[in-house]
Protein backbone atom coordinates (compact mmCIF):
# COMPACT_ATOMS: atom_id res chain seq x y z
CA MET A 1 -296.93 103.79 257.39
CA SER A 2 -294.44 102.49 254.90
CA VAL A 3 -291.98 99.94 256.25
CA SER A 4 -289.06 102.34 255.75
CA GLY A 5 -290.79 104.94 258.06
CA PHE A 6 -289.78 105.57 261.70
CA VAL A 7 -292.10 104.64 264.19
CA TRP A 8 -290.91 106.24 267.30
CA LYS A 9 -288.56 108.75 268.60
CA GLN A 10 -286.63 109.11 271.81
CA GLU A 11 -283.87 111.83 272.67
CA ASN A 12 -283.55 112.70 269.04
CA PHE A 13 -282.42 109.28 267.94
CA TYR A 14 -284.98 107.06 265.71
CA ILE A 15 -285.68 103.51 265.84
CA CYS A 16 -287.15 101.63 262.86
CA GLN A 17 -289.92 99.03 263.57
CA ASN A 18 -288.42 95.68 263.64
CA LYS A 19 -290.71 93.45 261.80
CA THR A 20 -290.13 90.01 260.41
CA TRP A 21 -289.67 91.48 257.03
CA ASN A 22 -286.17 92.67 257.95
CA MET A 23 -285.04 89.85 260.21
CA ASP A 24 -282.79 88.42 257.36
CA LYS A 25 -281.42 91.86 256.57
CA TYR A 26 -278.08 93.31 257.68
CA LYS A 27 -278.94 95.93 260.28
CA VAL A 28 -277.37 99.43 259.80
CA VAL A 29 -277.04 102.58 262.12
CA ILE A 30 -275.86 106.04 261.01
CA VAL A 31 -274.28 108.32 263.52
CA ASP A 32 -273.77 111.79 261.97
CA ASP A 33 -274.48 115.40 263.04
CA ASP A 34 -274.99 116.62 259.59
CA GLU A 35 -278.59 116.40 258.57
CA VAL A 36 -278.15 116.72 254.96
CA SER A 37 -275.43 113.89 254.85
CA LEU A 38 -277.51 111.81 256.96
CA GLU A 39 -280.58 111.96 254.91
CA ASN A 40 -278.57 111.47 251.70
CA LEU A 41 -276.97 108.33 253.07
CA SER A 42 -280.28 106.99 254.53
CA PHE A 43 -282.08 107.53 251.13
CA GLU A 44 -279.44 105.42 249.48
CA LEU A 45 -279.31 102.74 251.92
CA ARG A 46 -282.87 102.16 251.74
CA LYS A 47 -282.53 101.31 248.07
CA ASP A 48 -280.68 97.97 248.93
CA ALA A 49 -282.89 95.30 249.75
CA ARG A 50 -280.05 93.51 251.71
CA PHE A 51 -279.87 96.19 254.44
CA SER A 52 -282.30 97.47 257.08
CA LEU A 53 -281.61 101.06 258.34
CA GLU A 54 -282.55 100.57 262.04
CA GLY A 55 -281.78 103.97 263.03
CA THR A 56 -279.93 107.30 263.16
CA ALA A 57 -278.37 109.62 265.91
CA ARG A 58 -277.14 113.21 265.65
CA ASN A 59 -274.31 113.01 268.26
CA GLY A 60 -272.06 110.70 269.94
CA ARG A 61 -273.87 110.28 273.30
CA LYS A 62 -277.13 109.19 271.62
CA GLY A 63 -275.20 107.26 269.11
CA LYS A 64 -273.76 105.06 271.84
CA LYS A 65 -277.34 104.37 273.13
CA LEU A 66 -278.60 103.43 269.75
CA ILE A 67 -275.73 101.14 268.90
CA THR A 68 -276.19 99.32 272.15
CA LYS A 69 -279.86 98.97 271.53
CA VAL A 70 -279.72 97.93 267.79
CA GLN A 71 -276.32 95.93 267.84
CA PRO A 72 -275.86 96.86 264.29
CA ASP A 73 -273.90 94.79 261.67
CA LEU A 74 -272.79 97.86 259.84
CA LEU A 75 -272.13 101.32 261.45
CA PHE A 76 -271.77 104.54 259.48
CA LEU A 77 -269.85 106.94 261.74
CA ASP A 78 -269.13 110.53 261.45
CA VAL A 79 -265.53 111.57 262.48
CA GLU A 80 -266.18 114.96 263.88
CA MET A 81 -269.28 115.50 266.12
CA PRO A 82 -270.38 118.21 268.58
CA ASP A 83 -269.87 116.25 271.68
CA MET A 84 -267.16 113.74 270.85
CA THR A 85 -265.25 112.31 267.83
CA GLY A 86 -266.11 109.07 266.18
CA LEU A 87 -262.82 107.73 267.26
CA ASP A 88 -263.65 108.58 270.78
CA LEU A 89 -267.10 106.94 270.52
CA LEU A 90 -265.54 103.64 269.30
CA GLN A 91 -262.92 103.60 272.33
CA GLU A 92 -265.68 104.31 274.78
CA MET A 93 -267.79 101.42 273.29
CA ARG A 94 -264.77 99.02 272.74
CA ASP A 95 -265.21 96.63 275.72
CA ASN A 96 -269.01 96.74 275.33
CA VAL A 97 -269.28 95.61 271.61
CA ALA A 98 -269.54 91.80 271.87
CA TRP A 99 -271.19 91.26 268.42
CA ASN A 100 -269.53 91.47 265.03
CA MET A 101 -269.95 95.06 263.80
CA ARG A 102 -267.90 96.70 260.96
CA VAL A 103 -267.47 100.55 260.91
CA VAL A 104 -267.45 102.78 258.00
CA PHE A 105 -266.13 106.40 258.73
CA TYR A 106 -268.50 108.90 256.98
CA THR A 107 -266.57 112.17 256.57
CA ALA A 108 -265.84 115.17 254.59
CA TYR A 109 -261.97 115.10 255.41
CA ASP A 110 -259.68 114.80 252.46
CA LYS A 111 -259.10 111.15 251.58
CA TYR A 112 -255.40 111.57 251.83
CA MET A 113 -255.40 112.75 255.43
CA ILE A 114 -257.30 109.78 256.64
CA GLN A 115 -255.39 106.79 255.62
CA ALA A 116 -254.72 105.80 259.11
CA ILE A 117 -258.44 105.92 259.93
CA ARG A 118 -259.13 103.64 256.69
CA GLU A 119 -256.64 101.17 258.23
CA ALA A 120 -258.16 100.99 261.48
CA ALA A 121 -261.84 100.71 260.24
CA PHE A 122 -263.73 98.62 257.75
CA ASP A 123 -263.61 101.60 255.15
CA TYR A 124 -264.60 105.15 254.93
CA LEU A 125 -267.20 107.13 252.73
CA LEU A 126 -266.18 110.56 251.68
CA LYS A 127 -268.84 113.27 251.78
CA PRO A 128 -270.39 113.97 249.40
CA PHE A 129 -270.23 110.48 248.11
CA GLU A 130 -270.78 108.67 244.82
CA GLU A 131 -273.58 106.28 244.54
CA GLN A 132 -271.05 103.73 243.32
CA ASP A 133 -268.69 104.46 246.26
CA LEU A 134 -271.57 103.15 248.52
CA LYS A 135 -272.47 100.17 246.47
CA ASP A 136 -268.69 99.18 246.56
CA ILE A 137 -268.61 99.26 250.26
CA LEU A 138 -271.96 97.44 250.66
CA THR A 139 -270.73 94.84 248.28
CA ARG A 140 -267.41 94.22 250.01
CA PHE A 141 -269.23 94.05 253.35
CA VAL A 142 -271.59 91.29 252.27
CA LYS A 143 -268.75 89.37 250.74
CA GLN A 144 -266.72 89.49 254.09
CA VAL A 145 -269.65 88.46 256.00
CA GLU A 146 -270.53 85.56 253.79
CA ALA A 147 -266.99 84.54 253.94
CA GLY A 148 -267.21 84.25 257.68
CA GLN A 149 -264.49 86.94 258.49
CA ARG A 150 -264.89 88.33 261.88
CA VAL A 151 -263.92 91.92 262.97
CA SER A 152 -263.29 93.66 266.28
CA LEU A 153 -262.90 97.19 267.35
CA PRO A 154 -259.38 98.55 266.93
CA VAL A 155 -257.41 99.19 270.35
CA GLY A 156 -256.85 102.72 271.41
CA SER A 157 -258.39 106.13 271.76
CA PRO A 158 -258.63 107.61 269.10
CA VAL A 159 -258.57 104.63 267.10
CA HIS A 160 -254.97 103.69 265.79
CA THR A 161 -253.65 100.72 263.91
CA GLY A 162 -250.04 99.62 264.68
CA GLN A 163 -248.01 102.66 265.60
CA THR A 164 -250.05 105.17 263.99
CA PHE A 165 -253.01 107.07 265.48
CA ILE A 166 -255.00 110.20 264.86
CA VAL A 167 -255.10 113.46 266.73
CA PHE A 168 -257.07 116.80 266.20
CA THR A 169 -255.58 120.24 266.35
CA PRO A 170 -257.43 123.33 267.53
CA THR A 171 -258.47 124.08 263.80
CA ASN A 172 -260.02 120.57 263.69
CA ASP A 173 -257.15 119.37 261.34
CA MET A 174 -256.44 115.65 261.64
CA ARG A 175 -252.78 114.69 262.13
CA ALA A 176 -251.45 111.07 261.89
CA LEU A 177 -248.65 110.47 264.39
CA ARG A 178 -246.41 107.61 265.38
CA PRO A 179 -245.20 107.15 269.12
CA ALA A 180 -241.52 107.12 267.94
CA GLU A 181 -241.84 110.95 266.81
CA ILE A 182 -243.02 112.00 270.11
CA GLY A 183 -240.81 112.76 273.18
CA PHE A 184 -243.50 113.90 275.41
CA PHE A 185 -246.77 115.79 275.85
CA ARG A 186 -246.87 119.12 277.87
CA TYR A 187 -249.87 120.83 279.33
CA CYS A 188 -250.20 124.64 278.67
CA SER A 189 -251.96 126.01 281.61
CA GLU A 190 -252.43 129.39 280.17
CA ARG A 191 -254.22 127.99 277.03
CA LYS A 192 -255.55 124.98 278.83
CA GLN A 193 -254.31 122.76 276.09
CA TRP A 194 -251.92 119.91 275.63
CA GLU A 195 -249.16 120.07 273.08
CA VAL A 196 -247.16 117.35 271.63
CA ILE A 197 -243.22 117.79 271.50
CA LEU A 198 -241.97 116.04 268.50
CA ASN A 199 -238.48 115.24 266.92
CA ASN A 200 -237.14 117.91 264.88
CA GLN A 201 -240.53 119.47 264.37
CA PRO A 202 -242.30 122.51 266.07
CA PRO A 203 -244.68 121.50 268.98
CA LEU A 204 -248.07 120.56 267.87
CA THR A 205 -250.92 121.88 269.90
CA LEU A 206 -253.89 119.60 270.51
CA ARG A 207 -257.57 120.47 270.44
CA ARG A 208 -258.96 121.90 273.70
CA GLY A 209 -260.77 119.30 275.78
CA MET A 210 -258.26 116.68 275.20
CA THR A 211 -257.46 115.03 278.63
CA ALA A 212 -254.53 113.28 279.92
CA GLU A 213 -256.52 110.12 280.20
CA GLN A 214 -257.36 110.19 276.50
CA ILE A 215 -253.55 110.76 275.65
CA THR A 216 -252.27 107.81 277.53
CA LEU A 217 -254.66 105.55 275.75
CA TYR A 218 -253.01 106.47 272.37
CA SER A 219 -250.24 103.99 273.21
CA PRO A 220 -249.04 101.89 276.16
CA CYS A 221 -245.64 103.88 275.95
CA PHE A 222 -247.20 107.22 276.86
CA VAL A 223 -247.09 107.50 280.72
CA GLN A 224 -248.07 110.38 282.98
CA ILE A 225 -245.46 111.66 285.37
CA HIS A 226 -246.82 115.05 286.31
CA GLN A 227 -250.22 117.04 286.09
CA SER A 228 -248.50 118.75 283.13
CA TYR A 229 -246.22 116.14 281.49
CA ILE A 230 -246.72 112.71 279.80
CA ILE A 231 -243.43 111.12 278.66
CA ASN A 232 -242.88 108.46 275.84
CA ILE A 233 -241.48 105.77 278.26
CA ASP A 234 -239.50 104.44 275.22
CA TYR A 235 -237.25 107.49 275.48
CA LEU A 236 -236.63 107.45 279.41
CA MET A 237 -233.14 106.95 280.11
CA LEU A 238 -233.05 107.54 283.92
CA ILE A 239 -234.81 109.58 286.68
CA ARG A 240 -232.29 111.97 288.42
CA ASP A 241 -233.36 114.26 291.24
CA ASN A 242 -237.07 113.66 290.51
CA LYS A 243 -236.47 114.58 286.80
CA CYS A 244 -236.73 112.50 283.72
CA VAL A 245 -233.62 112.32 281.41
CA LEU A 246 -234.61 111.10 277.99
CA TYR A 247 -232.59 109.63 275.18
CA PRO A 248 -231.61 111.60 272.23
CA PRO A 249 -232.95 113.53 270.30
CA PHE A 250 -234.79 114.64 273.40
CA ASP A 251 -231.91 114.63 275.96
CA LYS A 252 -231.52 118.37 276.17
CA VAL A 253 -234.95 118.54 277.90
CA THR A 254 -234.66 119.53 281.63
CA GLU A 255 -238.23 120.35 282.60
CA LEU A 256 -239.67 116.77 283.12
CA LEU A 257 -240.40 116.79 286.65
CA VAL A 258 -241.86 113.62 288.29
CA SER A 259 -244.38 114.54 290.96
CA LYS A 260 -244.96 112.38 294.12
CA LYS A 261 -248.35 111.64 292.85
CA TYR A 262 -247.11 109.53 290.01
CA LYS A 263 -243.58 108.57 291.23
CA LYS A 264 -244.43 105.53 293.09
CA GLU A 265 -246.72 104.36 290.14
CA LEU A 266 -243.87 104.86 287.83
CA GLN A 267 -241.54 102.89 289.98
CA ASP A 268 -243.98 100.03 290.49
CA ARG A 269 -244.97 99.69 286.74
CA PHE A 270 -241.42 99.86 285.46
CA CYS A 271 -239.50 98.63 288.47
CA LEU A 272 -237.38 101.93 288.49
């Protein structure tokens, strides 16, 4: 068997044989559900003698297991997968990644829509990629490592940098938002979806499956007050008759009821 061949398979992710020939190489893992894109990237990576492709995974759940096992130096990560987004995967693994790992988002999304992702990760590689684009990323990676620059996974879920974070709509479009634009989130029980109430913009519906726990991880200023409401605490003026009154431009909103379940937590957390 050639040294680039895979030697065993488990749960549809693959681990390359780890022999002495690759001990000095940078370990790489790819997590991507698109078979063609995965194979194209794998083929090109094997051309670079500085890197060892240690394995691939076709979804987020198996990707997390593979990443934990291999502890790669460089991770190529798809943004949108069947079971989770690449952003969610990073958030779930954030507290468990103790080694120095750089992340390249490997995506077909338009480059102008993912600037926030690029700022939150080491880089991104647009599908279908040009060979020179990949070479540039690998060269920059090696320069950073040799210069001794350390990295850490960004805070938040999905990944955000500073005040900007990414959400997905029901049509899988990506939208970059800032907390300052958001008054509150509202759960629509009929559609079983959360929506974002924005300043001077129509409500933005989020992808089905988004949970309140995920929303509150976008920013510390997002606080759940009711099963159906999550407010931006920065806009909270007062609580009157168990209802939140917000500062302008959200001062006309009258629906933000604080339930008993969350009231004490809110009072203890913010000394209200």
